[in-house]
PDB file of all heavy atoms in Angstrom:
ATOM      1  N   GLU A   1      16.110   9.750  14.527  1.00  0.00           N
ATOM      2  CA  GLU A   1      14.873  10.627  14.467  1.00  0.00           C
ATOM      3  C   GLU A   1      13.835   9.922  13.616  1.00  0.00           C
ATOM      4  O   GLU A   1      14.291   9.289  12.579  1.00  0.00           O
ATOM      5  CB  GLU A   1      15.355  11.952  13.820  1.00  0.00           C
ATOM      6  CG  GLU A   1      16.167  12.748  14.731  1.00  0.00           C
ATOM      7  CD  GLU A   1      15.585  13.252  16.017  1.00  0.00           C
ATOM      8  OE1 GLU A   1      14.344  13.389  15.917  1.00  0.00           O
ATOM      9  OE2 GLU A   1      16.285  13.413  16.929  1.00  0.00           O
ATOM     10  N   PRO A   2      12.617   9.856  13.979  1.00  0.00           N
ATOM     11  CA  PRO A   2      11.553   9.362  13.224  1.00  0.00           C
ATOM     12  C   PRO A   2      11.432  10.141  11.794  1.00  0.00           C
ATOM     13  O   PRO A   2      11.821  11.238  11.795  1.00  0.00           O
ATOM     14  CB  PRO A   2      10.322   9.451  14.059  1.00  0.00           C
ATOM     15  CG  PRO A   2      10.638  10.717  14.871  1.00  0.00           C
ATOM     16  CD  PRO A   2      12.084  10.678  15.240  1.00  0.00           C
ATOM     17  N   PRO A   3      11.042   9.386  10.822  1.00  0.00           N
ATOM     18  CA  PRO A   3      10.912   9.987   9.519  1.00  0.00           C
ATOM     19  C   PRO A   3       9.796  11.095   9.569  1.00  0.00           C
ATOM     20  O   PRO A   3       8.875  11.103  10.467  1.00  0.00           O
ATOM     21  CB  PRO A   3      10.452   8.881   8.539  1.00  0.00           C
ATOM     22  CG  PRO A   3       9.916   7.853   9.406  1.00  0.00           C
ATOM     23  CD  PRO A   3      10.654   7.932  10.623  1.00  0.00           C
ATOM     24  N   GLU A   4       9.770  11.940   8.528  1.00  0.00           N
ATOM     25  CA  GLU A   4       8.879  13.057   8.503  1.00  0.00           C
ATOM     26  C   GLU A   4       7.407  12.735   8.482  1.00  0.00           C
ATOM     27  O   GLU A   4       6.464  13.247   8.981  1.00  0.00           O
ATOM     28  CB  GLU A   4       9.117  14.060   7.393  1.00  0.00           C
ATOM     29  CG  GLU A   4      10.487  14.671   7.538  1.00  0.00           C
ATOM     30  CD  GLU A   4      10.778  15.773   6.443  1.00  0.00           C
ATOM     31  OE1 GLU A   4       9.918  15.889   5.583  1.00  0.00           O
ATOM     32  OE2 GLU A   4      11.792  16.397   6.515  1.00  0.00           O
ATOM     33  N   ASP A   5       7.161  11.505   7.666  1.00  0.00           N
ATOM     34  CA  ASP A   5       5.709  11.063   7.427  1.00  0.00           C
ATOM     35  C   ASP A   5       5.397  10.038   8.588  1.00  0.00           C
ATOM     36  O   ASP A   5       4.331   9.456   8.528  1.00  0.00           O
ATOM     37  CB  ASP A   5       5.523  10.461   6.087  1.00  0.00           C
ATOM     38  CG  ASP A   5       6.463   9.280   5.910  1.00  0.00           C
ATOM     39  OD1 ASP A   5       7.283   9.056   6.714  1.00  0.00           O
ATOM     40  OD2 ASP A   5       6.235   8.568   4.873  1.00  0.00           O
ATOM     41  N   HIS A   6       6.118   9.841   9.671  1.00  0.00           N
ATOM     42  CA  HIS A   6       5.808   8.891  10.761  1.00  0.00           C
ATOM     43  C   HIS A   6       4.799   9.604  11.598  1.00  0.00           C
ATOM     44  O   HIS A   6       4.892  10.640  12.214  1.00  0.00           O
ATOM     45  CB  HIS A   6       7.113   8.610  11.526  1.00  0.00           C
ATOM     46  CG  HIS A   6       6.848   7.501  12.517  1.00  0.00           C
ATOM     47  ND1 HIS A   6       6.695   6.157  12.178  1.00  0.00           N
ATOM     48  CD2 HIS A   6       6.753   7.631  14.008  1.00  0.00           C
ATOM     49  CE1 HIS A   6       6.462   5.571  13.307  1.00  0.00           C
ATOM     50  NE2 HIS A   6       6.501   6.392  14.353  1.00  0.00           N
ATOM     51  N   PRO A   7       3.584   8.800  11.807  1.00  0.00           N
ATOM     52  CA  PRO A   7       2.592   9.363  12.688  1.00  0.00           C
ATOM     53  C   PRO A   7       3.003   9.314  14.029  1.00  0.00           C
ATOM     54  O   PRO A   7       3.414   8.256  14.607  1.00  0.00           O
ATOM     55  CB  PRO A   7       1.360   8.356  12.333  1.00  0.00           C
ATOM     56  CG  PRO A   7       1.980   7.013  11.847  1.00  0.00           C
ATOM     57  CD  PRO A   7       3.291   7.460  11.168  1.00  0.00           C
ATOM     58  N   GLU A   8       2.859  10.362  14.851  1.00  0.00           N
ATOM     59  CA  GLU A   8       3.245  10.470  16.112  1.00  0.00           C
ATOM     60  C   GLU A   8       2.065  10.561  17.204  1.00  0.00           C
ATOM     61  O   GLU A   8       2.149  10.578  18.263  1.00  0.00           O
ATOM     62  CB  GLU A   8       4.021  11.747  16.340  1.00  0.00           C
ATOM     63  CG  GLU A   8       5.475  11.542  15.521  1.00  0.00           C
ATOM     64  CD  GLU A   8       6.330  12.746  15.882  1.00  0.00           C
ATOM     65  OE1 GLU A   8       5.873  13.713  16.558  1.00  0.00           O
ATOM     66  OE2 GLU A   8       7.534  12.783  15.312  1.00  0.00           O
ATOM     67  N   HIS A   9       0.788  10.635  16.589  1.00  0.00           N
ATOM     68  CA  HIS A   9      -0.334  10.841  17.468  1.00  0.00           C
ATOM     69  C   HIS A   9      -0.559   9.502  18.300  1.00  0.00           C
ATOM     70  O   HIS A   9      -0.334   8.395  17.773  1.00  0.00           O
ATOM     71  CB  HIS A   9      -1.594  11.158  16.625  1.00  0.00           C
ATOM     72  CG  HIS A   9      -2.762  11.602  17.348  1.00  0.00           C
ATOM     73  ND1 HIS A   9      -3.591  10.806  18.039  1.00  0.00           N
ATOM     74  CD2 HIS A   9      -3.164  12.846  17.651  1.00  0.00           C
ATOM     75  CE1 HIS A   9      -4.460  11.448  18.715  1.00  0.00           C
ATOM     76  NE2 HIS A   9      -4.319  12.753  18.433  1.00  0.00           N
ATOM     77  N   ALA A  10      -0.954   9.629  19.435  1.00  0.00           N
ATOM     78  CA  ALA A  10      -1.186   8.519  20.306  1.00  0.00           C
ATOM     79  C   ALA A  10      -2.154   7.448  19.670  1.00  0.00           C
ATOM     80  O   ALA A  10      -1.914   6.224  19.957  1.00  0.00           O
ATOM     81  CB  ALA A  10      -1.686   8.870  21.657  1.00  0.00           C
ATOM     82  N   LEU A  11      -3.174   7.766  18.978  1.00  0.00           N
ATOM     83  CA  LEU A  11      -4.032   6.906  18.341  1.00  0.00           C
ATOM     84  C   LEU A  11      -3.500   6.078  17.188  1.00  0.00           C
ATOM     85  O   LEU A  11      -4.092   5.104  16.878  1.00  0.00           O
ATOM     86  CB  LEU A  11      -5.357   7.713  17.831  1.00  0.00           C
ATOM     87  CG  LEU A  11      -6.157   8.366  18.890  1.00  0.00           C
ATOM     88  CD1 LEU A  11      -7.221   9.108  18.234  1.00  0.00           C
ATOM     89  CD2 LEU A  11      -6.805   7.331  19.931  1.00  0.00           C
ATOM     90  N   LEU A  12      -2.353   6.517  16.746  1.00  0.00           N
ATOM     91  CA  LEU A  12      -1.798   5.825  15.520  1.00  0.00           C
ATOM     92  C   LEU A  12      -0.457   5.059  15.970  1.00  0.00           C
ATOM     93  O   LEU A  12       0.121   4.570  15.094  1.00  0.00           O
ATOM     94  CB  LEU A  12      -1.375   6.933  14.522  1.00  0.00           C
ATOM     95  CG  LEU A  12      -2.639   7.858  14.036  1.00  0.00           C
ATOM     96  CD1 LEU A  12      -1.983   8.787  13.031  1.00  0.00           C
ATOM     97  CD2 LEU A  12      -3.672   6.954  13.458  1.00  0.00           C
ATOM     98  N   THR A  13      -0.148   5.117  17.194  1.00  0.00           N
ATOM     99  CA  THR A  13       1.045   4.350  17.533  1.00  0.00           C
ATOM    100  C   THR A  13       1.081   2.870  17.223  1.00  0.00           C
ATOM    101  O   THR A  13       2.100   2.287  17.006  1.00  0.00           O
ATOM    102  CB  THR A  13       1.369   4.563  19.065  1.00  0.00           C
ATOM    103  OG1 THR A  13       0.241   4.168  19.836  1.00  0.00           O
ATOM    104  CG2 THR A  13       1.680   6.084  19.299  1.00  0.00           C
ATOM    105  N   GLU A  14      -0.091   2.139  17.266  1.00  0.00           N
ATOM    106  CA  GLU A  14      -0.173   0.709  17.085  1.00  0.00           C
ATOM    107  C   GLU A  14      -0.401   0.400  15.621  1.00  0.00           C
ATOM    108  O   GLU A  14      -0.333  -0.798  15.332  1.00  0.00           O
ATOM    109  CB  GLU A  14      -1.308   0.131  18.011  1.00  0.00           C
ATOM    110  CG  GLU A  14      -1.256   0.467  19.453  1.00  0.00           C
ATOM    111  CD  GLU A  14       0.085  -0.125  19.979  1.00  0.00           C
ATOM    112  OE1 GLU A  14       0.526  -1.279  19.463  1.00  0.00           O
ATOM    113  OE2 GLU A  14       0.750   0.350  20.995  1.00  0.00           O
ATOM    114  N   LEU A  15      -0.537   1.354  14.714  1.00  0.00           N
ATOM    115  CA  LEU A  15      -0.737   1.099  13.333  1.00  0.00           C
ATOM    116  C   LEU A  15       0.590   0.751  12.615  1.00  0.00           C
ATOM    117  O   LEU A  15       1.653   1.395  12.976  1.00  0.00           O
ATOM    118  CB  LEU A  15      -1.402   2.235  12.729  1.00  0.00           C
ATOM    119  CG  LEU A  15      -2.802   2.542  13.248  1.00  0.00           C
ATOM    120  CD1 LEU A  15      -3.504   3.700  12.378  1.00  0.00           C
ATOM    121  CD2 LEU A  15      -3.731   1.300  13.065  1.00  0.00           C
ATOM    122  N   GLU A  16       0.487   0.036  11.695  1.00  0.00           N
ATOM    123  CA  GLU A  16       1.660  -0.389  10.842  1.00  0.00           C
ATOM    124  C   GLU A  16       1.589   0.393   9.529  1.00  0.00           C
ATOM    125  O   GLU A  16       0.468   0.597   8.954  1.00  0.00           O
ATOM    126  CB  GLU A  16       1.776  -1.802  10.516  1.00  0.00           C
ATOM    127  CG  GLU A  16       2.033  -2.776  11.712  1.00  0.00           C
ATOM    128  CD  GLU A  16       2.135  -4.117  11.427  1.00  0.00           C
ATOM    129  OE1 GLU A  16       2.135  -4.389  10.161  1.00  0.00           O
ATOM    130  OE2 GLU A  16       2.406  -5.036  12.317  1.00  0.00           O
ATOM    131  N   ALA A  17       2.749   0.894   9.017  1.00  0.00           N
ATOM    132  CA  ALA A  17       2.737   1.571   7.792  1.00  0.00           C
ATOM    133  C   ALA A  17       2.355   0.748   6.640  1.00  0.00           C
ATOM    134  O   ALA A  17       2.713  -0.532   6.682  1.00  0.00           O
ATOM    135  CB  ALA A  17       4.083   2.210   7.690  1.00  0.00           C
ATOM    136  N   PRO A  18       1.547   1.143   5.642  1.00  0.00           N
ATOM    137  CA  PRO A  18       1.137   0.335   4.540  1.00  0.00           C
ATOM    138  C   PRO A  18       2.479   0.013   3.631  1.00  0.00           C
ATOM    139  O   PRO A  18       3.387   0.696   3.667  1.00  0.00           O
ATOM    140  CB  PRO A  18       0.132   1.231   3.765  1.00  0.00           C
ATOM    141  CG  PRO A  18       0.566   2.609   4.130  1.00  0.00           C
ATOM    142  CD  PRO A  18       1.036   2.471   5.498  1.00  0.00           C
ATOM    143  N   PRO A  19       2.369  -1.080   3.091  1.00  0.00           N
ATOM    144  CA  PRO A  19       3.529  -1.632   2.282  1.00  0.00           C
ATOM    145  C   PRO A  19       3.512  -0.663   0.961  1.00  0.00           C
ATOM    146  O   PRO A  19       2.562  -0.208   0.500  1.00  0.00           O
ATOM    147  CB  PRO A  19       3.175  -2.943   1.839  1.00  0.00           C
ATOM    148  CG  PRO A  19       1.712  -3.125   1.956  1.00  0.00           C
ATOM    149  CD  PRO A  19       1.318  -2.244   3.121  1.00  0.00           C
ATOM    150  N   LEU A  20       4.820  -0.302   0.577  1.00  0.00           N
ATOM    151  CA  LEU A  20       5.100   0.537  -0.444  1.00  0.00           C
ATOM    152  C   LEU A  20       5.761  -0.055  -1.666  1.00  0.00           C
ATOM    153  O   LEU A  20       6.440  -1.129  -1.320  1.00  0.00           O
ATOM    154  CB  LEU A  20       5.705   1.865  -0.182  1.00  0.00           C
ATOM    155  CG  LEU A  20       5.143   2.790   1.025  1.00  0.00           C
ATOM    156  CD1 LEU A  20       6.081   3.883   1.508  1.00  0.00           C
ATOM    157  CD2 LEU A  20       3.864   3.237   0.606  1.00  0.00           C
ATOM    158  N   ASN A  21       5.506   0.292  -2.878  1.00  0.00           N
ATOM    159  CA  ASN A  21       6.267  -0.237  -4.044  1.00  0.00           C
ATOM    160  C   ASN A  21       6.098  -1.580  -4.164  1.00  0.00           C
ATOM    161  O   ASN A  21       7.067  -2.399  -4.691  1.00  0.00           O
ATOM    162  CB  ASN A  21       7.712   0.162  -3.945  1.00  0.00           C
ATOM    163  CG  ASN A  21       7.915   1.694  -3.874  1.00  0.00           C
ATOM    164  OD1 ASN A  21       7.211   2.445  -4.487  1.00  0.00           O
ATOM    165  ND2 ASN A  21       8.936   2.277  -3.159  1.00  0.00           N
ATOM    166  N   ARG A  22       4.838  -2.190  -3.867  1.00  0.00           N
ATOM    167  CA  ARG A  22       4.673  -3.494  -4.226  1.00  0.00           C
ATOM    168  C   ARG A  22       4.472  -3.783  -5.696  1.00  0.00           C
ATOM    169  O   ARG A  22       3.759  -2.896  -6.359  1.00  0.00           O
ATOM    170  CB  ARG A  22       3.373  -4.063  -3.478  1.00  0.00           C
ATOM    171  CG  ARG A  22       3.654  -4.403  -1.937  1.00  0.00           C
ATOM    172  CD  ARG A  22       2.531  -5.130  -1.378  1.00  0.00           C
ATOM    173  NE  ARG A  22       2.742  -5.530  -0.029  1.00  0.00           N
ATOM    174  CZ  ARG A  22       1.906  -6.187   0.754  1.00  0.00           C
ATOM    175  NH1 ARG A  22       0.673  -6.552   0.131  1.00  0.00           N
ATOM    176  NH2 ARG A  22       2.100  -6.604   1.922  1.00  0.00           N
ATOM    177  N   PRO A  23       4.933  -4.711  -6.285  1.00  0.00           N
ATOM    178  CA  PRO A  23       4.751  -4.995  -7.744  1.00  0.00           C
ATOM    179  C   PRO A  23       3.359  -5.238  -8.037  1.00  0.00           C
ATOM    180  O   PRO A  23       2.720  -6.050  -7.327  1.00  0.00           O
ATOM    181  CB  PRO A  23       5.722  -6.259  -7.998  1.00  0.00           C
ATOM    182  CG  PRO A  23       5.879  -6.925  -6.672  1.00  0.00           C
ATOM    183  CD  PRO A  23       5.780  -5.771  -5.675  1.00  0.00           C
ATOM    184  N   LEU A  24       2.913  -4.733  -9.154  1.00  0.00           N
ATOM    185  CA  LEU A  24       1.458  -4.972  -9.599  1.00  0.00           C
ATOM    186  C   LEU A  24       1.384  -6.233 -10.297  1.00  0.00           C
ATOM    187  O   LEU A  24       2.209  -6.373 -11.325  1.00  0.00           O
ATOM    188  CB  LEU A  24       1.046  -3.709 -10.444  1.00  0.00           C
ATOM    189  CG  LEU A  24      -0.432  -3.835 -10.923  1.00  0.00           C
ATOM    190  CD1 LEU A  24      -1.368  -3.851  -9.836  1.00  0.00           C
ATOM    191  CD2 LEU A  24      -0.757  -2.658 -11.946  1.00  0.00           C
ATOM    192  N   VAL A  25       0.628  -7.172  -9.832  1.00  0.00           N
ATOM    193  CA  VAL A  25       0.374  -8.488 -10.561  1.00  0.00           C
ATOM    194  C   VAL A  25      -0.857  -8.199 -11.485  1.00  0.00           C
ATOM    195  O   VAL A  25      -1.924  -8.098 -10.791  1.00  0.00           O
ATOM    196  CB  VAL A  25       0.246  -9.551  -9.535  1.00  0.00           C
ATOM    197  CG1 VAL A  25       0.052 -10.848 -10.318  1.00  0.00           C
ATOM    198  CG2 VAL A  25       1.634  -9.551  -8.661  1.00  0.00           C
ATOM    199  N   ALA A  26      -0.782  -8.278 -12.780  1.00  0.00           N
ATOM    200  CA  ALA A  26      -1.825  -8.181 -13.681  1.00  0.00           C
ATOM    201  C   ALA A  26      -2.099  -9.573 -14.268  1.00  0.00           C
ATOM    202  O   ALA A  26      -1.229 -10.163 -14.709  1.00  0.00           O
ATOM    203  CB  ALA A  26      -1.531  -7.133 -14.736  1.00  0.00           C
ATOM    204  N   THR A  27      -3.412  -9.852 -14.331  1.00  0.00           N
ATOM    205  CA  THR A  27      -3.850 -11.148 -15.076  1.00  0.00           C
ATOM    206  C   THR A  27      -4.505 -10.611 -16.363  1.00  0.00           C
ATOM    207  O   THR A  27      -5.366  -9.895 -16.390  1.00  0.00           O
ATOM    208  CB  THR A  27      -4.796 -11.823 -14.132  1.00  0.00           C
ATOM    209  OG1 THR A  27      -5.952 -11.156 -13.780  1.00  0.00           O
ATOM    210  CG2 THR A  27      -4.117 -12.419 -12.849  1.00  0.00           C
ATOM    211  N   SER A  28      -4.008 -11.369 -17.384  1.00  0.00           N
ATOM    212  CA  SER A  28      -4.770 -11.198 -18.631  1.00  0.00           C
ATOM    213  C   SER A  28      -6.053 -11.716 -18.814  1.00  0.00           C
ATOM    214  O   SER A  28      -6.319 -12.804 -18.198  1.00  0.00           O
ATOM    215  CB  SER A  28      -3.816 -11.683 -19.848  1.00  0.00           C
ATOM    216  OG  SER A  28      -3.731 -12.976 -19.638  1.00  0.00           O
ATOM    217  N   VAL A  29      -6.983 -10.983 -19.533  1.00  0.00           N
ATOM    218  CA  VAL A  29      -8.394 -11.381 -19.552  1.00  0.00           C
ATOM    219  C   VAL A  29      -8.673 -11.532 -21.159  1.00  0.00           C
ATOM    220  O   VAL A  29      -8.559 -10.567 -21.906  1.00  0.00           O
ATOM    221  CB  VAL A  29      -9.420 -10.514 -19.012  1.00  0.00           C
ATOM    222  CG1 VAL A  29     -10.847 -11.003 -19.275  1.00  0.00           C
ATOM    223  CG2 VAL A  29      -9.152 -10.325 -17.475  1.00  0.00           C
ATOM    224  N   LYS A  30      -9.045 -12.716 -21.597  1.00  0.00           N
ATOM    225  CA  LYS A  30      -9.235 -12.875 -23.040  1.00  0.00           C
ATOM    226  C   LYS A  30     -10.554 -12.252 -23.532  1.00  0.00           C
ATOM    227  O   LYS A  30     -11.599 -12.501 -22.797  1.00  0.00           O
ATOM    228  CB  LYS A  30      -9.383 -14.416 -23.304  1.00  0.00           C
ATOM    229  CG  LYS A  30      -9.404 -14.777 -24.778  1.00  0.00           C
ATOM    230  CD  LYS A  30      -9.405 -16.330 -24.956  1.00  0.00           C
ATOM    231  CE  LYS A  30      -9.527 -16.572 -26.455  1.00  0.00           C
ATOM    232  NZ  LYS A  30      -9.450 -18.081 -26.804  1.00  0.00           N
ATOM    233  N   PRO A  31     -10.528 -11.350 -24.337  1.00  0.00           N
ATOM    234  CA  PRO A  31     -11.739 -10.586 -24.785  1.00  0.00           C
ATOM    235  C   PRO A  31     -12.743 -11.398 -25.406  1.00  0.00           C
ATOM    236  O   PRO A  31     -12.320 -12.476 -26.050  1.00  0.00           O
ATOM    237  CB  PRO A  31     -11.212  -9.501 -25.652  1.00  0.00           C
ATOM    238  CG  PRO A  31      -9.980 -10.115 -26.302  1.00  0.00           C
ATOM    239  CD  PRO A  31      -9.238 -10.805 -25.177  1.00  0.00           C
ATOM    240  N   LYS A  32     -13.943 -11.289 -25.179  1.00  0.00           N
ATOM    241  CA  LYS A  32     -14.972 -12.099 -25.743  1.00  0.00           C
ATOM    242  C   LYS A  32     -15.217 -11.662 -27.144  1.00  0.00           C
ATOM    243  O   LYS A  32     -15.093 -10.450 -27.571  1.00  0.00           O
ATOM    244  CB  LYS A  32     -16.407 -11.940 -25.104  1.00  0.00           C
ATOM    245  CG  LYS A  32     -16.383 -12.359 -23.588  1.00  0.00           C
ATOM    246  CD  LYS A  32     -17.719 -12.141 -22.997  1.00  0.00           C
ATOM    247  CE  LYS A  32     -17.816 -12.669 -21.479  1.00  0.00           C
ATOM    248  NZ  LYS A  32     -19.084 -12.445 -20.907  1.00  0.00           N
ATOM    249  N   PRO A  33     -15.285 -12.654 -28.138  1.00  0.00           N
ATOM    250  CA  PRO A  33     -15.460 -12.241 -29.578  1.00  0.00           C
ATOM    251  C   PRO A  33     -16.750 -11.444 -29.775  1.00  0.00           C
ATOM    252  O   PRO A  33     -17.713 -11.836 -29.243  1.00  0.00           O
ATOM    253  CB  PRO A  33     -15.468 -13.628 -30.314  1.00  0.00           C
ATOM    254  CG  PRO A  33     -15.882 -14.633 -29.254  1.00  0.00           C
ATOM    255  CD  PRO A  33     -15.263 -14.057 -27.939  1.00  0.00           C
ATOM    256  N   ILE A  34     -16.656 -10.392 -30.624  1.00  0.00           N
ATOM    257  CA  ILE A  34     -17.799  -9.598 -31.041  1.00  0.00           C
ATOM    258  C   ILE A  34     -18.288 -10.131 -32.269  1.00  0.00           C
ATOM    259  O   ILE A  34     -17.643 -10.126 -33.363  1.00  0.00           O
ATOM    260  CB  ILE A  34     -17.451  -8.195 -31.114  1.00  0.00           C
ATOM    261  CG1 ILE A  34     -16.778  -7.692 -29.694  1.00  0.00           C
ATOM    262  CG2 ILE A  34     -18.619  -7.352 -31.487  1.00  0.00           C
ATOM    263  CD1 ILE A  34     -16.303  -6.232 -29.665  1.00  0.00           C
TER     264      ILE A  34
END
């Protein structure tokens, strides 16, 4: 059976589900001296 959040509308059949739980990659920014 398809999952509950699986789109079944005909206009959405060719769409791919967005990736979930991707790790957040953060880059540090050195603050400017005040």
